[in-house]
Amino acid sequence: METGKKRLAGDTTRQATSSEVTGLKRETRDLKEVVAEQTLELRLLKKACSGMRETSNEVSCIGKVGDCPAGRGITST
């Protein structure tokens, strides 16, 4: 019960320094950005390869740039 009272009063100690917390927040932000970019890229690949008789959850046409049929090619950036 004493521990709960200390927490409510804001009298707690952190196991990480403020610079460590800042670094972890930066790393989290960067990881979220990578996940977002990968998600967008996967959606574009699925859309580009959707006419290749695959289900919407399969992306077996992923290979090299230009592997998709004419008119649906993926260009490198």
Protein backbone atom coordinates (compact mmCIF):
# COMPACT_ATOMS: atom_id res chain seq x y z
CA MET A 1 0.00 0.00 0.00
CA GLU A 2 2.91 2.33 0.70
CA THR A 3 4.22 1.73 -2.80
CA GLY A 4 0.88 2.75 -4.31
CA LYS A 5 0.85 5.95 -2.26
CA LYS A 6 4.37 6.81 -3.45
CA ARG A 7 3.36 6.26 -7.07
CA LEU A 8 0.33 8.49 -6.70
CA ALA A 9 2.49 11.19 -5.15
CA GLY A 10 4.93 10.92 -8.08
CA ASP A 11 7.72 9.73 -5.78
CA THR A 12 9.08 6.92 -7.94
CA THR A 13 12.47 6.18 -9.42
CA ARG A 14 13.08 5.28 -13.03
CA GLN A 15 15.31 2.47 -14.10
CA ALA A 16 16.26 4.41 -17.25
CA THR A 17 17.84 7.82 -17.62
CA SER A 18 16.09 10.56 -19.56
CA SER A 19 18.60 10.20 -22.41
CA GLU A 20 17.83 6.47 -22.59
CA VAL A 21 14.11 7.20 -22.71
CA THR A 22 14.68 9.77 -25.47
CA GLY A 23 16.73 7.24 -27.42
CA LEU A 24 14.06 4.57 -27.04
CA LYS A 25 11.35 6.98 -28.21
CA ARG A 26 13.46 7.88 -31.26
CA GLU A 27 14.04 4.18 -32.02
CA THR A 28 10.32 3.46 -31.66
CA ARG A 29 9.47 6.29 -34.05
CA ASP A 30 12.02 5.04 -36.59
CA LEU A 31 10.71 1.48 -36.38
CA LYS A 32 7.12 2.65 -36.89
CA GLU A 33 8.27 4.57 -39.96
CA VAL A 34 9.96 1.47 -41.40
CA VAL A 35 6.83 -0.62 -40.80
CA ALA A 36 4.70 2.02 -42.53
CA GLU A 37 7.03 2.13 -45.54
CA GLN A 38 7.10 -1.67 -45.82
CA THR A 39 3.31 -1.83 -45.56
CA LEU A 40 2.90 0.70 -48.37
CA GLU A 41 5.43 -1.11 -50.54
CA LEU A 42 3.65 -4.44 -50.01
CA ARG A 43 0.31 -2.89 -50.94
CA LEU A 44 1.80 -1.45 -54.13
CA LEU A 45 3.31 -4.82 -55.04
CA LYS A 46 0.01 -6.59 -54.41
CA LYS A 47 -1.82 -4.04 -56.54
CA ALA A 48 0.74 -4.30 -59.35
CA CYS A 49 0.60 -8.10 -59.36
CA SER A 50 -3.12 -8.52 -58.75
CA GLY A 51 -3.83 -9.73 -62.27
CA MET A 52 -1.57 -12.76 -61.99
CA ARG A 53 -4.24 -15.24 -60.77
CA GLU A 54 -3.20 -15.06 -57.12
CA THR A 55 -5.43 -14.54 -54.14
CA SER A 56 -5.38 -11.14 -52.50
CA ASN A 57 -3.20 -12.45 -49.66
CA GLU A 58 -0.51 -13.99 -51.86
CA VAL A 59 2.29 -12.10 -53.50
CA SER A 60 4.28 -14.77 -55.29
CA CYS A 61 5.14 -12.46 -58.18
CA ILE A 62 7.64 -10.49 -56.12
CA GLY A 63 10.99 -10.83 -57.76
CA LYS A 64 13.12 -8.44 -59.71
CA VAL A 65 12.03 -5.05 -60.93
CA GLY A 66 10.09 -5.52 -64.16
CA ASP A 67 8.95 -9.10 -63.45
CA CYS A 68 5.28 -8.15 -63.68
CA PRO A 69 3.47 -8.25 -67.06
CA ALA A 70 3.74 -5.33 -69.47
CA GLY A 71 1.75 -2.35 -68.36
CA ARG A 72 1.96 -3.45 -64.75
CA GLY A 73 5.70 -3.25 -64.25
CA ILE A 74 7.20 -1.99 -61.07
CA THR A 75 9.83 0.64 -61.56
CA SER A 76 12.77 1.09 -59.26
CA THR A 77 13.09 4.29 -57.30
